[in-house]
């Protein structure tokens, strides 16, 4: 399937937001606004984001599907921390919300044509199977 210019832009935004979210998680918990001075173990929250990075860069449909669901955990964390924290952490939470939403919507809209094509092929296969079954039924019951 050819990738349209819009899909290319969505893919670039998805990759950029994922890389940005990884960088944000590291900087947030080590440098910019750590829970404890000098950094905290919360920095390891970036590790799950490394799992879909390769597949997202390669435009792997399956990876982008599950990553779009996983990214919602970061959206949720951002909302909770934006509500409960003040100062720099609140700003970092806002950035986490934005980056996670950018990835989510870019992935969903990037995948939309693939999902439509899969639905079309499934319908086509069902129709073909139904036609073959009807033909077999007609052959086994000859008209008198």
N, C-alpha and C. Protein backbone atom coordinates (compact mmCIF):
# COMPACT_ATOMS: atom_id res chain seq x y z
N UNK A 1 0.85 -1.18 0.00
CA UNK A 1 0.00 0.00 0.00
C UNK A 1 0.90 1.24 0.00
N UNK A 2 0.60 2.15 -0.90
CA UNK A 2 1.38 3.39 -0.98
C UNK A 2 1.00 4.32 0.17
N UNK A 3 1.98 5.08 0.62
CA UNK A 3 1.76 6.00 1.73
C UNK A 3 1.57 7.40 1.16
N UNK A 4 0.48 8.02 1.52
CA UNK A 4 0.17 9.36 1.03
C UNK A 4 1.04 10.39 1.76
N UNK A 5 1.15 11.60 1.23
CA UNK A 5 1.89 12.65 1.93
C UNK A 5 1.32 12.94 3.33
N UNK A 6 0.00 12.84 3.46
CA UNK A 6 -0.61 13.06 4.78
C UNK A 6 -0.17 11.98 5.75
N UNK A 7 -0.13 10.73 5.27
CA UNK A 7 0.32 9.64 6.13
C UNK A 7 1.80 9.80 6.49
N UNK A 8 2.60 10.27 5.55
CA UNK A 8 4.01 10.51 5.85
C UNK A 8 4.15 11.54 6.96
N UNK A 9 3.36 12.60 6.88
CA UNK A 9 3.41 13.64 7.91
C UNK A 9 2.95 13.09 9.25
N UNK A 10 1.88 12.29 9.24
CA UNK A 10 1.40 11.68 10.48
C UNK A 10 2.46 10.76 11.09
N UNK A 11 3.13 10.01 10.23
CA UNK A 11 4.20 9.11 10.71
C UNK A 11 5.34 9.90 11.33
N UNK A 12 5.76 10.96 10.67
CA UNK A 12 6.85 11.79 11.22
C UNK A 12 6.45 12.40 12.56
N UNK A 13 5.21 12.86 12.67
CA UNK A 13 4.73 13.42 13.94
C UNK A 13 4.67 12.34 15.02
N UNK A 14 4.25 11.14 14.66
CA UNK A 14 4.19 10.05 15.64
C UNK A 14 5.59 9.72 16.16
N UNK A 15 6.54 9.59 15.25
CA UNK A 15 7.93 9.30 15.66
C UNK A 15 8.48 10.44 16.51
N UNK A 16 8.26 11.68 16.06
CA UNK A 16 8.76 12.84 16.80
C UNK A 16 8.16 12.94 18.19
N UNK A 17 6.86 12.69 18.31
CA UNK A 17 6.24 12.78 19.63
C UNK A 17 6.69 11.65 20.54
N UNK A 18 6.95 10.47 19.99
CA UNK A 18 7.45 9.35 20.80
C UNK A 18 8.86 9.64 21.30
N UNK A 19 9.71 10.12 20.42
CA UNK A 19 11.08 10.49 20.82
C UNK A 19 11.03 11.63 21.83
N UNK A 20 10.17 12.60 21.58
CA UNK A 20 10.02 13.72 22.51
C UNK A 20 9.54 13.27 23.88
N UNK A 21 8.63 12.31 23.91
CA UNK A 21 8.13 11.80 25.18
C UNK A 21 9.21 11.04 25.94
N UNK A 22 10.03 10.30 25.23
CA UNK A 22 11.16 9.61 25.86
C UNK A 22 12.11 10.63 26.49
N UNK A 23 12.46 11.64 25.71
CA UNK A 23 13.37 12.68 26.22
C UNK A 23 12.74 13.42 27.41
N UNK A 24 11.47 13.74 27.31
CA UNK A 24 10.78 14.43 28.40
C UNK A 24 10.81 13.61 29.68
N UNK A 25 10.50 12.32 29.57
CA UNK A 25 10.49 11.47 30.78
C UNK A 25 11.86 11.44 31.45
N UNK A 26 12.91 11.34 30.66
CA UNK A 26 14.26 11.30 31.23
C UNK A 26 14.62 12.64 31.87
N UNK A 27 14.43 13.72 31.12
CA UNK A 27 14.80 15.04 31.64
C UNK A 27 13.95 15.44 32.84
N UNK A 28 12.68 15.13 32.80
CA UNK A 28 11.76 15.49 33.86
C UNK A 28 12.18 14.86 35.18
N UNK A 29 12.46 13.58 35.17
CA UNK A 29 12.73 12.87 36.42
C UNK A 29 14.19 12.92 36.86
N UNK A 30 15.09 13.35 35.99
CA UNK A 30 16.50 13.46 36.38
C UNK A 30 16.96 14.89 36.60
N UNK A 31 16.44 15.82 35.80
CA UNK A 31 17.01 17.16 35.80
C UNK A 31 15.98 18.26 36.11
N UNK A 32 14.91 18.30 35.34
CA UNK A 32 14.03 19.47 35.38
C UNK A 32 13.15 19.56 36.63
N UNK A 33 12.51 18.47 37.02
CA UNK A 33 11.62 18.51 38.19
C UNK A 33 11.51 17.12 38.81
N UNK A 34 12.62 16.55 39.27
CA UNK A 34 12.56 15.21 39.86
C UNK A 34 11.76 15.21 41.17
N UNK A 35 11.22 14.05 41.49
CA UNK A 35 10.46 13.92 42.75
C UNK A 35 11.37 14.16 43.95
N UNK A 36 12.64 13.73 43.83
CA UNK A 36 13.64 13.94 44.88
C UNK A 36 14.83 14.66 44.27
N UNK A 37 15.49 15.52 45.03
CA UNK A 37 16.68 16.20 44.50
C UNK A 37 17.72 15.18 44.02
N UNK A 38 18.27 15.42 42.85
CA UNK A 38 19.27 14.52 42.30
C UNK A 38 18.68 13.44 41.40
N UNK A 39 17.37 13.39 41.30
CA UNK A 39 16.73 12.41 40.42
C UNK A 39 15.97 11.37 41.22
N UNK A 40 15.11 10.64 40.52
CA UNK A 40 14.33 9.61 41.19
C UNK A 40 14.22 8.38 40.29
N UNK A 41 13.77 7.31 40.89
CA UNK A 41 13.59 6.07 40.14
C UNK A 41 12.45 6.19 39.13
N UNK A 42 11.68 7.23 39.21
CA UNK A 42 10.59 7.43 38.24
C UNK A 42 11.14 7.58 36.82
N UNK A 43 12.44 7.82 36.70
CA UNK A 43 13.03 7.98 35.38
C UNK A 43 12.86 6.71 34.55
N UNK A 44 12.70 5.55 35.19
CA UNK A 44 12.58 4.31 34.42
C UNK A 44 11.26 4.23 33.65
N UNK A 45 10.38 5.18 33.87
CA UNK A 45 9.10 5.15 33.13
C UNK A 45 9.30 5.33 31.63
N UNK A 46 10.48 5.76 31.21
CA UNK A 46 10.73 5.90 29.77
C UNK A 46 11.00 4.56 29.11
N UNK A 47 11.38 3.54 29.88
CA UNK A 47 11.76 2.25 29.30
C UNK A 47 10.66 1.60 28.45
N UNK A 48 9.40 1.57 28.90
CA UNK A 48 8.37 0.99 28.02
C UNK A 48 8.21 1.72 26.69
N UNK A 49 8.59 2.99 26.66
CA UNK A 49 8.47 3.75 25.41
C UNK A 49 9.51 3.31 24.37
N UNK A 50 10.56 2.65 24.83
CA UNK A 50 11.57 2.16 23.88
C UNK A 50 11.05 0.96 23.08
N UNK A 51 10.12 0.21 23.66
CA UNK A 51 9.62 -1.00 22.99
C UNK A 51 8.97 -0.70 21.64
N UNK A 52 8.11 0.31 21.52
CA UNK A 52 7.50 0.56 20.21
C UNK A 52 8.31 1.47 19.29
N UNK A 53 9.45 1.96 19.75
CA UNK A 53 10.20 2.94 18.96
C UNK A 53 10.63 2.38 17.60
N UNK A 54 11.24 1.21 17.60
CA UNK A 54 11.72 0.62 16.34
C UNK A 54 10.56 0.35 15.38
N UNK A 55 9.49 -0.24 15.91
CA UNK A 55 8.33 -0.53 15.06
C UNK A 55 7.65 0.71 14.55
N UNK A 56 7.61 1.75 15.37
CA UNK A 56 7.01 3.01 14.92
C UNK A 56 7.85 3.63 13.81
N UNK A 57 9.16 3.60 13.98
CA UNK A 57 10.04 4.15 12.95
C UNK A 57 9.86 3.38 11.64
N UNK A 58 9.69 2.06 11.73
CA UNK A 58 9.53 1.21 10.54
C UNK A 58 8.10 1.15 10.00
N UNK A 59 7.21 1.90 10.63
CA UNK A 59 5.79 1.94 10.22
C UNK A 59 5.11 0.58 10.37
N UNK A 60 5.47 -0.16 11.39
CA UNK A 60 4.87 -1.46 11.64
C UNK A 60 3.45 -1.26 12.17
N UNK A 61 2.49 -1.79 11.44
CA UNK A 61 1.08 -1.56 11.77
C UNK A 61 0.74 -2.12 13.15
N UNK A 62 1.13 -3.36 13.40
CA UNK A 62 0.81 -3.99 14.68
C UNK A 62 1.41 -3.20 15.85
N UNK A 63 2.66 -2.80 15.72
CA UNK A 63 3.32 -2.03 16.79
C UNK A 63 2.60 -0.73 17.04
N UNK A 64 2.25 -0.03 15.98
CA UNK A 64 1.58 1.26 16.16
C UNK A 64 0.20 1.09 16.77
N UNK A 65 -0.45 -0.05 16.51
CA UNK A 65 -1.76 -0.29 17.12
C UNK A 65 -1.64 -0.44 18.63
N UNK A 66 -0.74 -1.34 19.08
CA UNK A 66 -0.66 -1.54 20.53
C UNK A 66 0.00 -0.36 21.22
N UNK A 67 0.92 0.32 20.54
CA UNK A 67 1.57 1.48 21.16
C UNK A 67 0.58 2.62 21.35
N UNK A 68 -0.39 2.74 20.45
CA UNK A 68 -1.38 3.81 20.62
C UNK A 68 -2.23 3.57 21.87
N UNK A 69 -2.39 2.32 22.27
CA UNK A 69 -3.10 2.03 23.52
C UNK A 69 -2.18 2.22 24.73
N UNK A 70 -0.93 1.79 24.59
CA UNK A 70 0.02 1.93 25.70
C UNK A 70 0.27 3.40 26.03
N UNK A 71 0.30 4.24 25.03
CA UNK A 71 0.62 5.65 25.23
C UNK A 71 -0.41 6.34 26.11
N UNK A 72 -1.60 5.75 26.19
CA UNK A 72 -2.65 6.34 27.02
C UNK A 72 -2.30 6.28 28.51
N UNK A 73 -1.39 5.37 28.90
CA UNK A 73 -0.92 5.37 30.30
C UNK A 73 -0.16 6.65 30.60
N UNK A 74 0.61 7.13 29.64
CA UNK A 74 1.37 8.37 29.83
C UNK A 74 0.43 9.58 29.83
N UNK A 75 -0.60 9.52 29.02
CA UNK A 75 -1.63 10.56 29.05
C UNK A 75 -2.27 10.61 30.44
N UNK A 76 -2.61 9.45 30.97
CA UNK A 76 -3.24 9.37 32.30
C UNK A 76 -2.31 9.90 33.38
N UNK A 77 -1.04 9.50 33.32
CA UNK A 77 -0.09 10.01 34.31
C UNK A 77 0.02 11.53 34.21
N UNK A 78 0.05 12.04 32.99
CA UNK A 78 0.13 13.48 32.80
C UNK A 78 -1.06 14.21 33.39
N UNK A 79 -2.24 13.66 33.19
CA UNK A 79 -3.45 14.29 33.74
C UNK A 79 -3.42 14.28 35.26
N UNK A 80 -3.07 13.13 35.85
CA UNK A 80 -3.03 13.02 37.31
C UNK A 80 -2.00 13.98 37.89
N UNK A 81 -0.80 14.02 37.30
CA UNK A 81 0.25 14.88 37.84
C UNK A 81 -0.02 16.36 37.56
N UNK A 82 -0.67 16.67 36.46
CA UNK A 82 -1.03 18.07 36.19
C UNK A 82 -2.03 18.56 37.23
N UNK A 83 -2.89 17.67 37.66
CA UNK A 83 -3.91 18.02 38.64
C UNK A 83 -3.32 18.12 40.05
N UNK A 84 -2.34 17.27 40.35
CA UNK A 84 -1.87 17.17 41.73
C UNK A 84 -0.58 17.93 42.03
N UNK A 85 0.18 18.31 41.03
CA UNK A 85 1.46 18.96 41.27
C UNK A 85 1.43 20.42 40.83
N UNK A 86 2.42 21.14 41.27
CA UNK A 86 2.54 22.56 40.94
C UNK A 86 3.95 22.83 40.39
N UNK A 87 4.10 24.01 39.85
CA UNK A 87 5.42 24.43 39.37
C UNK A 87 5.83 23.72 38.10
N UNK A 88 7.13 23.43 38.01
CA UNK A 88 7.71 22.84 36.80
C UNK A 88 7.09 21.48 36.49
N UNK A 89 6.78 20.69 37.51
CA UNK A 89 6.16 19.38 37.27
C UNK A 89 4.81 19.51 36.58
N UNK A 90 4.09 20.54 36.90
CA UNK A 90 2.80 20.76 36.25
C UNK A 90 3.00 21.06 34.76
N UNK A 91 4.03 21.84 34.45
CA UNK A 91 4.34 22.14 33.05
C UNK A 91 4.81 20.88 32.31
N UNK A 92 5.62 20.07 32.99
CA UNK A 92 6.08 18.82 32.39
C UNK A 92 4.89 17.88 32.14
N UNK A 93 3.94 17.88 33.06
CA UNK A 93 2.74 17.08 32.89
C UNK A 93 1.95 17.52 31.67
N UNK A 94 1.85 18.82 31.49
CA UNK A 94 1.17 19.35 30.31
C UNK A 94 1.84 18.90 29.02
N UNK A 95 3.17 18.94 29.02
CA UNK A 95 3.92 18.48 27.85
C UNK A 95 3.71 16.99 27.61
N UNK A 96 3.65 16.21 28.70
CA UNK A 96 3.41 14.77 28.58
C UNK A 96 2.02 14.51 27.98
N UNK A 97 1.04 15.27 28.41
CA UNK A 97 -0.31 15.13 27.87
C UNK A 97 -0.31 15.43 26.37
N UNK A 98 0.30 16.53 25.99
CA UNK A 98 0.32 16.93 24.58
C UNK A 98 1.05 15.89 23.73
N UNK A 99 2.24 15.47 24.16
CA UNK A 99 3.01 14.50 23.37
C UNK A 99 2.30 13.16 23.25
N UNK A 100 1.67 12.71 24.33
CA UNK A 100 0.98 11.43 24.26
C UNK A 100 -0.25 11.52 23.35
N UNK A 101 -0.96 12.64 23.39
CA UNK A 101 -2.11 12.81 22.50
C UNK A 101 -1.68 12.94 21.04
N UNK A 102 -0.59 13.63 20.79
CA UNK A 102 -0.09 13.74 19.41
C UNK A 102 0.23 12.35 18.86
N UNK A 103 0.94 11.54 19.65
CA UNK A 103 1.25 10.18 19.19
C UNK A 103 -0.04 9.39 18.95
N UNK A 104 -0.94 9.43 19.92
CA UNK A 104 -2.17 8.65 19.82
C UNK A 104 -2.93 8.98 18.54
N UNK A 105 -3.21 10.26 18.31
CA UNK A 105 -4.01 10.63 17.15
C UNK A 105 -3.25 10.44 15.84
N UNK A 106 -1.96 10.70 15.82
CA UNK A 106 -1.18 10.45 14.60
C UNK A 106 -1.17 8.97 14.26
N UNK A 107 -0.99 8.12 15.25
CA UNK A 107 -0.99 6.67 15.00
C UNK A 107 -2.36 6.21 14.50
N UNK A 108 -3.41 6.67 15.15
CA UNK A 108 -4.77 6.26 14.76
C UNK A 108 -5.06 6.69 13.32
N UNK A 109 -4.77 7.93 12.97
CA UNK A 109 -5.06 8.40 11.62
C UNK A 109 -4.09 7.84 10.58
N UNK A 110 -2.86 7.52 10.99
CA UNK A 110 -1.93 6.85 10.08
C UNK A 110 -2.46 5.46 9.74
N UNK A 111 -3.01 4.77 10.71
CA UNK A 111 -3.48 3.40 10.53
C UNK A 111 -4.85 3.29 9.84
N UNK A 112 -5.60 4.36 9.80
CA UNK A 112 -6.97 4.33 9.28
C UNK A 112 -7.06 3.72 7.88
N UNK A 113 -6.25 4.13 6.90
CA UNK A 113 -6.35 3.51 5.56
C UNK A 113 -6.06 2.02 5.57
N UNK A 114 -5.15 1.58 6.43
CA UNK A 114 -4.83 0.16 6.52
C UNK A 114 -6.02 -0.62 7.07
N UNK A 115 -6.67 -0.06 8.06
CA UNK A 115 -7.84 -0.71 8.64
C UNK A 115 -8.98 -0.78 7.62
N UNK A 116 -9.17 0.29 6.85
CA UNK A 116 -10.21 0.30 5.83
C UNK A 116 -9.94 -0.75 4.76
N UNK A 117 -8.68 -0.88 4.35
CA UNK A 117 -8.30 -1.88 3.35
C UNK A 117 -8.50 -3.29 3.90
N UNK A 118 -8.15 -3.51 5.16
CA UNK A 118 -8.35 -4.83 5.77
C UNK A 118 -9.83 -5.17 5.82
N UNK A 119 -10.68 -4.20 6.16
CA UNK A 119 -12.12 -4.42 6.20
C UNK A 119 -12.65 -4.76 4.80
N UNK A 120 -12.16 -4.04 3.79
CA UNK A 120 -12.60 -4.28 2.42
C UNK A 120 -12.20 -5.69 1.97
N UNK A 121 -10.97 -6.10 2.28
CA UNK A 121 -10.52 -7.44 1.91
C UNK A 121 -11.29 -8.53 2.65
N UNK A 122 -11.62 -8.28 3.90
CA UNK A 122 -12.40 -9.25 4.67
C UNK A 122 -13.80 -9.40 4.07
N UNK A 123 -14.42 -8.26 3.72
CA UNK A 123 -15.74 -8.32 3.10
C UNK A 123 -15.69 -9.08 1.78
N UNK A 124 -14.63 -8.82 1.01
CA UNK A 124 -14.45 -9.48 -0.28
C UNK A 124 -14.30 -10.99 -0.09
N UNK A 125 -13.53 -11.41 0.91
CA UNK A 125 -13.34 -12.83 1.17
C UNK A 125 -14.64 -13.49 1.64
N UNK A 126 -15.41 -12.80 2.46
CA UNK A 126 -16.70 -13.33 2.93
C UNK A 126 -17.66 -13.48 1.77
N UNK A 127 -17.71 -12.47 0.91
CA UNK A 127 -18.59 -12.54 -0.25
C UNK A 127 -18.19 -13.69 -1.18
N UNK A 128 -16.91 -13.87 -1.39
CA UNK A 128 -16.42 -14.96 -2.25
C UNK A 128 -16.78 -16.31 -1.64
N UNK A 129 -16.59 -16.46 -0.33
CA UNK A 129 -16.94 -17.72 0.34
C UNK A 129 -18.43 -17.98 0.26
N UNK A 130 -19.24 -16.95 0.42
CA UNK A 130 -20.69 -17.11 0.33
C UNK A 130 -21.11 -17.52 -1.08
N UNK A 131 -20.49 -16.93 -2.08
CA UNK A 131 -20.79 -17.30 -3.47
C UNK A 131 -20.41 -18.75 -3.74
N UNK A 132 -19.25 -19.19 -3.25
CA UNK A 132 -18.82 -20.56 -3.44
C UNK A 132 -19.76 -21.54 -2.73
N UNK A 133 -20.21 -21.18 -1.54
CA UNK A 133 -21.14 -22.03 -0.80
C UNK A 133 -22.47 -22.13 -1.54
N UNK A 134 -22.92 -21.01 -2.08
CA UNK A 134 -24.18 -21.01 -2.85
C UNK A 134 -24.04 -21.87 -4.10
N UNK A 135 -22.88 -21.80 -4.76
CA UNK A 135 -22.63 -22.61 -5.96
C UNK A 135 -22.62 -24.09 -5.62
N UNK A 136 -22.00 -24.45 -4.51
CA UNK A 136 -21.94 -25.85 -4.08
C UNK A 136 -23.34 -26.36 -3.73
N UNK A 137 -24.10 -25.52 -3.08
CA UNK A 137 -25.46 -25.90 -2.70
C UNK A 137 -26.31 -26.10 -3.94
N UNK A 138 -26.14 -25.26 -4.93
CA UNK A 138 -26.91 -25.37 -6.17
C UNK A 138 -26.50 -26.63 -6.94
N UNK A 139 -25.20 -26.98 -6.90
CA UNK A 139 -24.71 -28.18 -7.58
C UNK A 139 -25.20 -29.46 -6.90
N UNK A 140 -25.34 -29.44 -5.61
CA UNK A 140 -25.74 -30.65 -4.89
C UNK A 140 -27.24 -30.86 -4.94
N UNK A 141 -28.01 -29.89 -5.30
CA UNK A 141 -29.47 -29.98 -5.40
C UNK A 141 -29.90 -29.59 -6.82
N UNK A 142 -29.72 -30.49 -7.79
CA UNK A 142 -30.10 -30.13 -9.17
C UNK A 142 -31.62 -29.94 -9.28
N UNK A 143 -31.99 -29.03 -10.14
CA UNK A 143 -33.41 -28.75 -10.34
C UNK A 143 -34.00 -29.80 -11.26
N UNK A 144 -35.23 -30.19 -11.02
CA UNK A 144 -35.88 -31.23 -11.82
C UNK A 144 -36.65 -30.62 -12.96
